[in-house]
Every structure is written in C-alpha cells, then in structure tokens.
Amino acid sequence: MIKTEQLQRHFKAGDVCVKAVDSLDINIGKGEFVAVMGPSGSGKSTLLYVLGAMDRPTGGQISINGRRLDQMDDQQCSDFRNRELGFVFQSFHLLPRMNLVRNVELPMLYAQIPAERRRARAEMMLRAVGLGERFVHFPAELSGGQCQRAAIARALVNSPALLLADEPTGNLDSRTGLEIIGIFQALNRQGMTIIMVTHDENMARHAGRIIRMRDGQIEKNETVSRPLMSALPEEIEKSLQEVFHAAG
C-alpha cells in the first residue's frame, strides 16, 4: 500500500543541511499496524508528515495506493489528504468554538458532502467511539481521552485508506492511552492501515511492526511476533465493526 524509494526530506539551517529523512526505502502492506520510534530529531515525525502529504519530499519517490505523492501539485495533495488519509495528533487539534459534531463534520465540509449526510455521518462516528452522549459538547468540556476519541472520529469520517497518528497518547495518562490504542487495534482488525509515531515502547508493542529511526535513517525494522492487546469495551468494538461494514 505504501512504498518509498530513496525518500528524502532535507532542510537548510544556515550553511548546514539537516537530513531529517535520508534516502529511506519503506514498504508497508495494506492492513498493517506500524509504529515508528526513535529519539528526538530522528526524523520520525517528518517522515509521517511526508507520508501524509503535509510536507513535500526533497528527493526520491513515494506512492500510496498506487498514487505518486511526489508528483502531485499542492491542490492534488490537498484533495488526496482529504479523501484518502486520516490524521490523529497529540494535541487533538479540535476547534474550541465548535461542538463535537461540527468538529467531526469538517473533513466532509471540505469534501463538499451535503449537510444532512455530514450530520448523520458525524453522529455515527461519534457513537462508534463511545461519544454518543456528547454531540453538542465543546472540547473544553471533555477529558483528554474524550477529545482524542473525537479526533479519531473526525479522522475516519471520509473513510480513509490510511490512518496516520503522531504521538496520539502523548498527552494522556497510561490507562487512557491504552484505551486509544485499543481503538486503533479494533480499527486495524477491520482492515485499517495505521502508521503511528510514538516515543512509548509499551504503546509501540501493540503494533505488528516497529520501524526504529535514528538520524533520518532506519536503524531497525522489527516484526512484533506477539503484539500486546488492549481491552476495548464490547459496545465500541461492535460499533466500529458496524461502521466499517456499512462503509464496505
């Protein structure tokens, strides 16, 4: 599903060339759950942003579902992000003056989906992540875990082919973080391809593969033979199954 060849993202810092991503060859299959780890400055977040068409490579090739991102212009990248990719960030990035339904509707608004369908789809996704009683609540009225679940609902409303997560448990306590990982694992069981950047070894061990980076390069590519499992309330698991069944 994802293939890069000699992928580069270099930055100029005065007279110094910073090789944040340096000639990476990566293959990620459909339905994989991959964690990307590495120390600060290793290039893991830069890699995620390039894979997510939020940053442009300075060299090499990158394809997702057979589409060459490195050959797209800015408008094509924007359309690809909206229709094919879902994003979950450490700081949630929910708009504080919008309630949860309106926050979750945003990707569909950009996709020009009619208002009635937007509302129904947003409510369905919020129910699927266990927020069926929070439609009209605002982000400031929610816990961190609830905000992250709302962000996951927003990431899923356009039925993306790939979910990208940048330190999704970084602002959460360990118990709540495991709840979020449980949602990711449930999504992965339904066939969702997930790439998650994390600094937390325990969270990474819930994925099926760990890519370890250092100085812009892959230091180790490790298959997790027995991924840790995170418990998820049965009603959320069932709701996510229903959502994916309806979408498929």
C-alpha atoms as a PDB file:
ATOM      1  CA  MET A   1       0.000   0.000   0.000  1.00  0.00           C
ATOM      2  CA  ILE A   2       2.858   2.383   0.834  1.00  0.00           C
ATOM      3  CA  LYS A   3       6.180   2.340  -0.938  1.00  0.00           C
ATOM      4  CA  THR A   4       9.064   4.783  -0.830  1.00  0.00           C
ATOM      5  CA  GLU A   5      12.305   4.683  -2.790  1.00  0.00           C
ATOM      6  CA  GLN A   6      15.272   6.746  -1.645  1.00  0.00           C
ATOM      7  CA  LEU A   7      12.848   9.139   0.080  1.00  0.00           C
ATOM      8  CA  GLN A   8      14.487  12.338   1.312  1.00  0.00           C
ATOM      9  CA  ARG A   9      13.440  15.395   3.265  1.00  0.00           C
ATOM     10  CA  HIS A  10      16.363  17.743   3.801  1.00  0.00           C
ATOM     11  CA  PHE A  11      16.273  21.198   5.388  1.00  0.00           C
ATOM     12  CA  LYS A  12      18.687  24.104   5.179  1.00  0.00           C
ATOM     13  CA  ALA A  13      19.723  25.575   8.528  1.00  0.00           C
ATOM     14  CA  GLY A  14      22.133  28.334   7.569  1.00  0.00           C
ATOM     15  CA  ASP A  15      25.019  26.609   5.851  1.00  0.00           C
ATOM     16  CA  VAL A  16      24.074  23.227   7.294  1.00  0.00           C
ATOM     17  CA  CYS A  17      21.943  20.622   5.520  1.00  0.00           C
ATOM     18  CA  VAL A  18      19.748  18.766   8.026  1.00  0.00           C
ATOM     19  CA  LYS A  19      18.879  15.330   6.679  1.00  0.00           C
ATOM     20  CA  ALA A  20      15.629  14.730   8.587  1.00  0.00           C
ATOM     21  CA  VAL A  21      14.700  11.854   6.275  1.00  0.00           C
ATOM     22  CA  ASP A  22      17.660  10.428   4.396  1.00  0.00           C
ATOM     23  CA  SER A  23      17.158   8.000   1.491  1.00  0.00           C
ATOM     24  CA  LEU A  24      14.530   5.709   3.006  1.00  0.00           C
ATOM     25  CA  ASP A  25      13.145   2.618   1.294  1.00  0.00           C
ATOM     26  CA  ILE A  26       9.923   1.558   3.026  1.00  0.00           C
ATOM     27  CA  ASN A  27       7.209  -0.946   2.182  1.00  0.00           C
ATOM     28  CA  ILE A  28       4.006  -1.119   4.234  1.00  0.00           C
ATOM     29  CA  GLY A  29       1.252  -3.510   3.226  1.00  0.00           C
ATOM     30  CA  LYS A  30      -2.484  -2.932   3.329  1.00  0.00           C
ATOM     31  CA  GLY A  31      -3.872  -3.710   6.774  1.00  0.00           C
ATOM     32  CA  GLU A  32      -0.595  -3.316   8.672  1.00  0.00           C
ATOM     33  CA  PHE A  33      -0.330  -1.514  12.007  1.00  0.00           C
ATOM     34  CA  VAL A  34       3.165   0.002  12.107  1.00  0.00           C
ATOM     35  CA  ALA A  35       4.753   2.004  14.931  1.00  0.00           C
ATOM     36  CA  VAL A  36       7.624   4.403  14.174  1.00  0.00           C
ATOM     37  CA  MET A  37      10.036   5.083  17.032  1.00  0.00           C
ATOM     38  CA  GLY A  38      13.251   6.986  17.571  1.00  0.00           C
ATOM     39  CA  PRO A  39      14.875   9.677  19.711  1.00  0.00           C
ATOM     40  CA  SER A  40      14.078  13.375  19.258  1.00  0.00           C
ATOM     41  CA  GLY A  41      15.456  14.549  15.932  1.00  0.00           C
ATOM     42  CA  SER A  42      15.474  11.059  14.425  1.00  0.00           C
ATOM     43  CA  GLY A  43      13.081  12.116  11.652  1.00  0.00           C
ATOM     44  CA  LYS A  44      10.040  10.063  12.667  1.00  0.00           C
ATOM     45  CA  SER A  45       7.537  12.941  12.674  1.00  0.00           C
ATOM     46  CA  THR A  46       8.996  14.389   9.474  1.00  0.00           C
ATOM     47  CA  LEU A  47       8.527  11.002   7.834  1.00  0.00           C
ATOM     48  CA  LEU A  48       4.885  10.906   8.964  1.00  0.00           C
ATOM     49  CA  TYR A  49       4.216  14.379   7.566  1.00  0.00           C
ATOM     50  CA  VAL A  50       5.762  13.461   4.223  1.00  0.00           C
ATOM     51  CA  LEU A  51       3.728  10.245   4.086  1.00  0.00           C
ATOM     52  CA  GLY A  52       0.671  12.325   4.913  1.00  0.00           C
ATOM     53  CA  ALA A  53       1.248  14.786   2.052  1.00  0.00           C
ATOM     54  CA  MET A  54       1.564  17.618   4.578  1.00  0.00           C
ATOM     55  CA  ASP A  55       5.215  18.129   3.619  1.00  0.00           C
ATOM     56  CA  ARG A  56       6.925  17.616   0.295  1.00  0.00           C
ATOM     57  CA  PRO A  57       9.942  15.347  -0.165  1.00  0.00           C
ATOM     58  CA  THR A  58      13.142  16.875  -1.482  1.00  0.00           C
ATOM     59  CA  GLY A  59      14.099  13.664  -3.258  1.00  0.00           C
ATOM     60  CA  GLY A  60      13.021  10.135  -4.021  1.00  0.00           C
ATOM     61  CA  GLN A  61       9.616   8.605  -4.659  1.00  0.00           C
ATOM     62  CA  ILE A  62       6.563   7.932  -2.510  1.00  0.00           C
ATOM     63  CA  SER A  63       3.401   6.116  -3.542  1.00  0.00           C
ATOM     64  CA  ILE A  64       0.246   5.301  -1.583  1.00  0.00           C
ATOM     65  CA  ASN A  65      -2.362   3.037  -3.135  1.00  0.00           C
ATOM     66  CA  GLY A  66      -0.564   3.418  -6.441  1.00  0.00           C
ATOM     67  CA  ARG A  67      -0.672   7.240  -6.360  1.00  0.00           C
ATOM     68  CA  ARG A  68       2.659   9.079  -6.625  1.00  0.00           C
ATOM     69  CA  LEU A  69       2.596  11.806  -3.981  1.00  0.00           C
ATOM     70  CA  ASP A  70       5.937  13.227  -5.092  1.00  0.00           C
ATOM     71  CA  GLN A  71       4.407  14.041  -8.488  1.00  0.00           C
ATOM     72  CA  MET A  72       1.331  15.844  -7.137  1.00  0.00           C
ATOM     73  CA  ASP A  73       0.876  19.618  -7.039  1.00  0.00           C
ATOM     74  CA  ASP A  74      -0.403  21.367  -3.889  1.00  0.00           C
ATOM     75  CA  GLN A  75      -4.087  21.101  -4.829  1.00  0.00           C
ATOM     76  CA  GLN A  76      -3.765  17.416  -5.668  1.00  0.00           C
ATOM     77  CA  CYS A  77      -2.017  16.812  -2.328  1.00  0.00           C
ATOM     78  CA  SER A  78      -4.809  18.648  -0.510  1.00  0.00           C
ATOM     79  CA  ASP A  79      -7.502  16.572  -2.224  1.00  0.00           C
ATOM     80  CA  PHE A  80      -5.561  13.356  -1.541  1.00  0.00           C
ATOM     81  CA  ARG A  81      -5.214  14.206   2.166  1.00  0.00           C
ATOM     82  CA  ASN A  82      -8.913  14.898   2.491  1.00  0.00           C
ATOM     83  CA  ARG A  83     -10.183  11.825   0.675  1.00  0.00           C
ATOM     84  CA  GLU A  84      -7.568   9.138   1.339  1.00  0.00           C
ATOM     85  CA  LEU A  85      -5.900   9.945   4.676  1.00  0.00           C
ATOM     86  CA  GLY A  86      -6.983  10.382   8.287  1.00  0.00           C
ATOM     87  CA  PHE A  87      -4.872  12.183  10.888  1.00  0.00           C
ATOM     88  CA  VAL A  88      -4.717  11.969  14.689  1.00  0.00           C
ATOM     89  CA  PHE A  89      -2.386  14.335  16.554  1.00  0.00           C
ATOM     90  CA  GLN A  90      -1.006  14.546  20.074  1.00  0.00           C
ATOM     91  CA  SER A  91      -2.813  17.834  20.782  1.00  0.00           C
ATOM     92  CA  PHE A  92      -6.145  16.729  19.238  1.00  0.00           C
ATOM     93  CA  HIS A  93      -6.490  19.918  17.103  1.00  0.00           C
ATOM     94  CA  LEU A  94     -10.212  20.243  17.786  1.00  0.00           C
ATOM     95  CA  LEU A  95     -11.605  23.722  17.144  1.00  0.00           C
ATOM     96  CA  PRO A  96     -12.603  25.121  20.582  1.00  0.00           C
ATOM     97  CA  ARG A  97     -15.624  27.132  19.397  1.00  0.00           C
ATOM     98  CA  MET A  98     -17.254  24.214  17.615  1.00  0.00           C
ATOM     99  CA  ASN A  99     -19.127  21.375  19.283  1.00  0.00           C
ATOM    100  CA  LEU A 100     -18.102  17.797  18.600  1.00  0.00           C
ATOM    101  CA  VAL A 101     -20.489  17.199  15.713  1.00  0.00           C
ATOM    102  CA  ARG A 102     -19.278  20.309  13.896  1.00  0.00           C
ATOM    103  CA  ASN A 103     -15.640  19.397  14.537  1.00  0.00           C
ATOM    104  CA  VAL A 104     -16.165  15.921  13.115  1.00  0.00           C
ATOM    105  CA  GLU A 105     -18.066  17.317  10.120  1.00  0.00           C
ATOM    106  CA  LEU A 106     -15.126  19.456   8.951  1.00  0.00           C
ATOM    107  CA  PRO A 107     -13.377  16.960   6.607  1.00  0.00           C
ATOM    108  CA  MET A 108     -16.734  16.278   4.950  1.00  0.00           C
ATOM    109  CA  LEU A 109     -17.344  20.003   4.533  1.00  0.00           C
ATOM    110  CA  TYR A 110     -14.096  20.282   2.557  1.00  0.00           C
ATOM    111  CA  ALA A 111     -15.187  17.232   0.535  1.00  0.00           C
ATOM    112  CA  GLN A 112     -18.436  19.075  -0.299  1.00  0.00           C
ATOM    113  CA  ILE A 113     -20.693  16.426   1.217  1.00  0.00           C
ATOM    114  CA  PRO A 114     -24.286  17.702   1.736  1.00  0.00           C
ATOM    115  CA  ALA A 115     -25.167  18.964   5.215  1.00  0.00           C
ATOM    116  CA  GLU A 116     -27.687  16.241   6.071  1.00  0.00           C
ATOM    117  CA  ARG A 117     -25.227  13.468   5.213  1.00  0.00           C
ATOM    118  CA  ARG A 118     -22.457  15.260   7.124  1.00  0.00           C
ATOM    119  CA  ARG A 119     -24.530  15.406  10.284  1.00  0.00           C
ATOM    120  CA  ALA A 120     -25.621  11.774  10.092  1.00  0.00           C
ATOM    121  CA  ARG A 121     -22.098  10.528   9.387  1.00  0.00           C
ATOM    122  CA  ALA A 122     -20.548  12.645  12.169  1.00  0.00           C
ATOM    123  CA  GLU A 123     -23.061  11.385  14.711  1.00  0.00           C
ATOM    124  CA  MET A 124     -22.492   7.783  13.606  1.00  0.00           C
ATOM    125  CA  MET A 125     -18.713   8.109  14.033  1.00  0.00           C
ATOM    126  CA  LEU A 126     -19.043   9.750  17.454  1.00  0.00           C
ATOM    127  CA  ARG A 127     -21.300   6.907  18.588  1.00  0.00           C
ATOM    128  CA  ALA A 128     -18.771   4.412  17.248  1.00  0.00           C
ATOM    129  CA  VAL A 129     -16.016   5.763  19.512  1.00  0.00           C
ATOM    130  CA  GLY A 130     -18.292   5.957  22.558  1.00  0.00           C
ATOM    131  CA  LEU A 131     -19.280   9.624  22.442  1.00  0.00           C
ATOM    132  CA  GLY A 132     -22.955   9.254  21.581  1.00  0.00           C
ATOM    133  CA  GLU A 133     -23.949  11.434  24.539  1.00  0.00           C
ATOM    134  CA  ARG A 134     -21.532  14.248  23.673  1.00  0.00           C
ATOM    135  CA  PHE A 135     -22.686  15.565  20.286  1.00  0.00           C
ATOM    136  CA  VAL A 136     -23.200  19.183  21.393  1.00  0.00           C
ATOM    137  CA  HIS A 137     -20.386  19.346  23.938  1.00  0.00           C
ATOM    138  CA  PHE A 138     -17.363  21.552  23.262  1.00  0.00           C
ATOM    139  CA  PRO A 139     -13.731  20.368  23.555  1.00  0.00           C
ATOM    140  CA  ALA A 140     -13.189  22.303  26.807  1.00  0.00           C
ATOM    141  CA  GLU A 141     -15.993  20.256  28.409  1.00  0.00           C
ATOM    142  CA  LEU A 142     -14.275  16.940  27.698  1.00  0.00           C
ATOM    143  CA  SER A 143     -11.413  14.920  29.129  1.00  0.00           C
ATOM    144  CA  GLY A 144      -8.240  14.379  27.115  1.00  0.00           C
ATOM    145  CA  GLY A 145      -9.283  10.842  26.229  1.00  0.00           C
ATOM    146  CA  GLN A 146     -12.693  12.033  25.018  1.00  0.00           C
ATOM    147  CA  CYS A 147     -11.037  14.728  22.894  1.00  0.00           C
ATOM    148  CA  GLN A 148      -8.774  12.136  21.314  1.00  0.00           C
ATOM    149  CA  ARG A 149     -11.706   9.841  20.588  1.00  0.00           C
ATOM    150  CA  ALA A 150     -13.475  12.776  18.910  1.00  0.00           C
ATOM    151  CA  ALA A 151     -10.313  13.402  16.874  1.00  0.00           C
ATOM    152  CA  ILE A 152     -10.334   9.740  15.790  1.00  0.00           C
ATOM    153  CA  ALA A 153     -13.991  10.068  14.749  1.00  0.00           C
ATOM    154  CA  ARG A 154     -13.064  13.127  12.677  1.00  0.00           C
ATOM    155  CA  ALA A 155     -10.162  11.231  11.083  1.00  0.00           C
ATOM    156  CA  LEU A 156     -12.494   8.417   9.989  1.00  0.00           C
ATOM    157  CA  VAL A 157     -15.498  10.300   8.570  1.00  0.00           C
ATOM    158  CA  ASN A 158     -14.259  10.238   4.963  1.00  0.00           C
ATOM    159  CA  SER A 159     -13.429   6.501   5.152  1.00  0.00           C
ATOM    160  CA  PRO A 160      -9.673   6.957   4.625  1.00  0.00           C
ATOM    161  CA  ALA A 161      -7.443   4.238   3.261  1.00  0.00           C
ATOM    162  CA  LEU A 162      -4.711   5.111   5.773  1.00  0.00           C
ATOM    163  CA  LEU A 163      -4.714   6.451   9.340  1.00  0.00           C
ATOM    164  CA  LEU A 164      -1.654   8.443  10.457  1.00  0.00           C
ATOM    165  CA  ALA A 165      -1.145   9.168  14.157  1.00  0.00           C
ATOM    166  CA  ASP A 166       1.546  11.432  15.629  1.00  0.00           C
ATOM    167  CA  GLU A 167       2.119  10.675  19.347  1.00  0.00           C
ATOM    168  CA  PRO A 168      -1.623  10.031  19.856  1.00  0.00           C
ATOM    169  CA  THR A 169      -1.173   9.026  23.512  1.00  0.00           C
ATOM    170  CA  GLY A 170       1.455  11.642  24.373  1.00  0.00           C
ATOM    171  CA  ASN A 171      -0.944  13.929  26.290  1.00  0.00           C
ATOM    172  CA  LEU A 172      -2.819  11.116  28.027  1.00  0.00           C
ATOM    173  CA  ASP A 173      -2.281   9.062  31.162  1.00  0.00           C
ATOM    174  CA  SER A 174      -1.309   5.438  30.620  1.00  0.00           C
ATOM    175  CA  ARG A 175      -4.789   3.984  31.186  1.00  0.00           C
ATOM    176  CA  THR A 176      -6.440   6.424  28.779  1.00  0.00           C
ATOM    177  CA  GLY A 177      -3.617   5.929  26.291  1.00  0.00           C
ATOM    178  CA  LEU A 178      -4.299   2.197  26.265  1.00  0.00           C
ATOM    179  CA  GLU A 179      -7.973   2.925  25.539  1.00  0.00           C
ATOM    180  CA  ILE A 180      -6.914   4.889  22.438  1.00  0.00           C
ATOM    181  CA  ILE A 181      -4.573   2.079  21.381  1.00  0.00           C
ATOM    182  CA  GLY A 182      -7.486  -0.308  21.843  1.00  0.00           C
ATOM    183  CA  ILE A 183      -9.487   1.715  19.306  1.00  0.00           C
ATOM    184  CA  PHE A 184      -6.555   1.608  16.880  1.00  0.00           C
ATOM    185  CA  GLN A 185      -6.301  -2.153  17.262  1.00  0.00           C
ATOM    186  CA  ALA A 186     -10.049  -2.524  16.665  1.00  0.00           C
ATOM    187  CA  LEU A 187      -9.765  -0.390  13.522  1.00  0.00           C
ATOM    188  CA  ASN A 188      -6.820  -2.487  12.382  1.00  0.00           C
ATOM    189  CA  ARG A 189      -8.838  -5.675  12.896  1.00  0.00           C
ATOM    190  CA  GLN A 190     -11.359  -4.212  10.447  1.00  0.00           C
ATOM    191  CA  GLY A 191      -8.575  -3.794   7.871  1.00  0.00           C
ATOM    192  CA  MET A 192      -7.494  -0.193   8.512  1.00  0.00           C
ATOM    193  CA  THR A 193      -3.825   0.505   7.735  1.00  0.00           C
ATOM    194  CA  ILE A 194      -2.271   2.533  10.571  1.00  0.00           C
ATOM    195  CA  ILE A 195       1.097   4.252  10.990  1.00  0.00           C
ATOM    196  CA  MET A 196       1.711   5.595  14.489  1.00  0.00           C
ATOM    197  CA  VAL A 197       4.670   7.678  15.641  1.00  0.00           C
ATOM    198  CA  THR A 198       5.329   7.164  19.346  1.00  0.00           C
ATOM    199  CA  HIS A 199       8.122   7.540  21.904  1.00  0.00           C
ATOM    200  CA  ASP A 200       6.462   4.968  24.187  1.00  0.00           C
ATOM    201  CA  GLU A 201       7.864   1.453  23.828  1.00  0.00           C
ATOM    202  CA  ASN A 202       4.844  -0.085  25.551  1.00  0.00           C
ATOM    203  CA  MET A 203       2.432   1.567  23.131  1.00  0.00           C
ATOM    204  CA  ALA A 204       4.589   0.552  20.148  1.00  0.00           C
ATOM    205  CA  ARG A 205       4.423  -3.077  21.272  1.00  0.00           C
ATOM    206  CA  HIS A 206       0.698  -3.052  20.469  1.00  0.00           C
ATOM    207  CA  ALA A 207       1.530  -2.679  16.754  1.00  0.00           C
ATOM    208  CA  GLY A 208       2.507  -5.510  14.434  1.00  0.00           C
ATOM    209  CA  ARG A 209       5.767  -3.913  13.330  1.00  0.00           C
ATOM    210  CA  ILE A 210       8.154  -1.298  14.712  1.00  0.00           C
ATOM    211  CA  ILE A 211      10.353   0.864  12.485  1.00  0.00           C
ATOM    212  CA  ARG A 212      13.146   2.381  14.565  1.00  0.00           C
ATOM    213  CA  MET A 213      14.783   5.547  13.208  1.00  0.00           C
ATOM    214  CA  ARG A 214      17.972   7.423  14.023  1.00  0.00           C
ATOM    215  CA  ASP A 215      19.498  10.418  12.223  1.00  0.00           C
ATOM    216  CA  GLY A 216      16.969  10.257   9.402  1.00  0.00           C
ATOM    217  CA  GLN A 217      17.557   6.606   8.601  1.00  0.00           C
ATOM    218  CA  ILE A 218      16.030   3.281   9.547  1.00  0.00           C
ATOM    219  CA  GLU A 219      18.082   1.706  12.297  1.00  0.00           C
ATOM    220  CA  LYS A 220      15.944  -1.410  12.678  1.00  0.00           C
ATOM    221  CA  ASN A 221      12.794  -2.905  11.167  1.00  0.00           C
ATOM    222  CA  GLU A 222      11.271  -5.203  13.759  1.00  0.00           C
ATOM    223  CA  THR A 223       8.279  -7.532  13.488  1.00  0.00           C
ATOM    224  CA  VAL A 224       6.349  -7.846  16.755  1.00  0.00           C
ATOM    225  CA  SER A 225       5.662 -11.581  16.963  1.00  0.00           C
ATOM    226  CA  ARG A 226       3.011 -11.264  19.673  1.00  0.00           C
ATOM    227  CA  PRO A 227       1.603  -7.723  19.855  1.00  0.00           C
ATOM    228  CA  LEU A 228       0.232  -6.629  23.218  1.00  0.00           C
ATOM    229  CA  MET A 229      -3.537  -6.411  23.260  1.00  0.00           C
ATOM    230  CA  SER A 230      -5.521  -3.544  24.751  1.00  0.00           C
ATOM    231  CA  ALA A 231      -9.017  -4.248  26.022  1.00  0.00           C
ATOM    232  CA  LEU A 232     -11.852  -2.283  24.452  1.00  0.00           C
ATOM    233  CA  PRO A 233     -15.461  -2.038  25.649  1.00  0.00           C
ATOM    234  CA  GLU A 234     -17.569  -4.516  23.679  1.00  0.00           C
ATOM    235  CA  GLU A 235     -20.037  -1.846  22.574  1.00  0.00           C
ATOM    236  CA  ILE A 236     -17.283   0.252  20.950  1.00  0.00           C
ATOM    237  CA  GLU A 237     -15.797  -2.776  19.191  1.00  0.00           C
ATOM    238  CA  LYS A 238     -19.250  -3.670  17.860  1.00  0.00           C
ATOM    239  CA  SER A 239     -19.965  -0.084  16.779  1.00  0.00           C
ATOM    240  CA  LEU A 240     -16.683   0.134  14.851  1.00  0.00           C
ATOM    241  CA  GLN A 241     -17.472  -3.165  13.118  1.00  0.00           C
ATOM    242  CA  GLU A 242     -20.881  -1.815  12.095  1.00  0.00           C
ATOM    243  CA  VAL A 243     -19.343   1.400  10.735  1.00  0.00           C
ATOM    244  CA  PHE A 244     -16.855  -0.490   8.596  1.00  0.00           C
ATOM    245  CA  HIS A 245     -19.489  -2.948   7.423  1.00  0.00           C
ATOM    246  CA  ALA A 246     -21.708  -0.035   6.346  1.00  0.00           C
ATOM    247  CA  ALA A 247     -18.790   1.677   4.567  1.00  0.00           C
ATOM    248  CA  GLY A 248     -17.758  -1.515   2.770  1.00  0.00           C
END
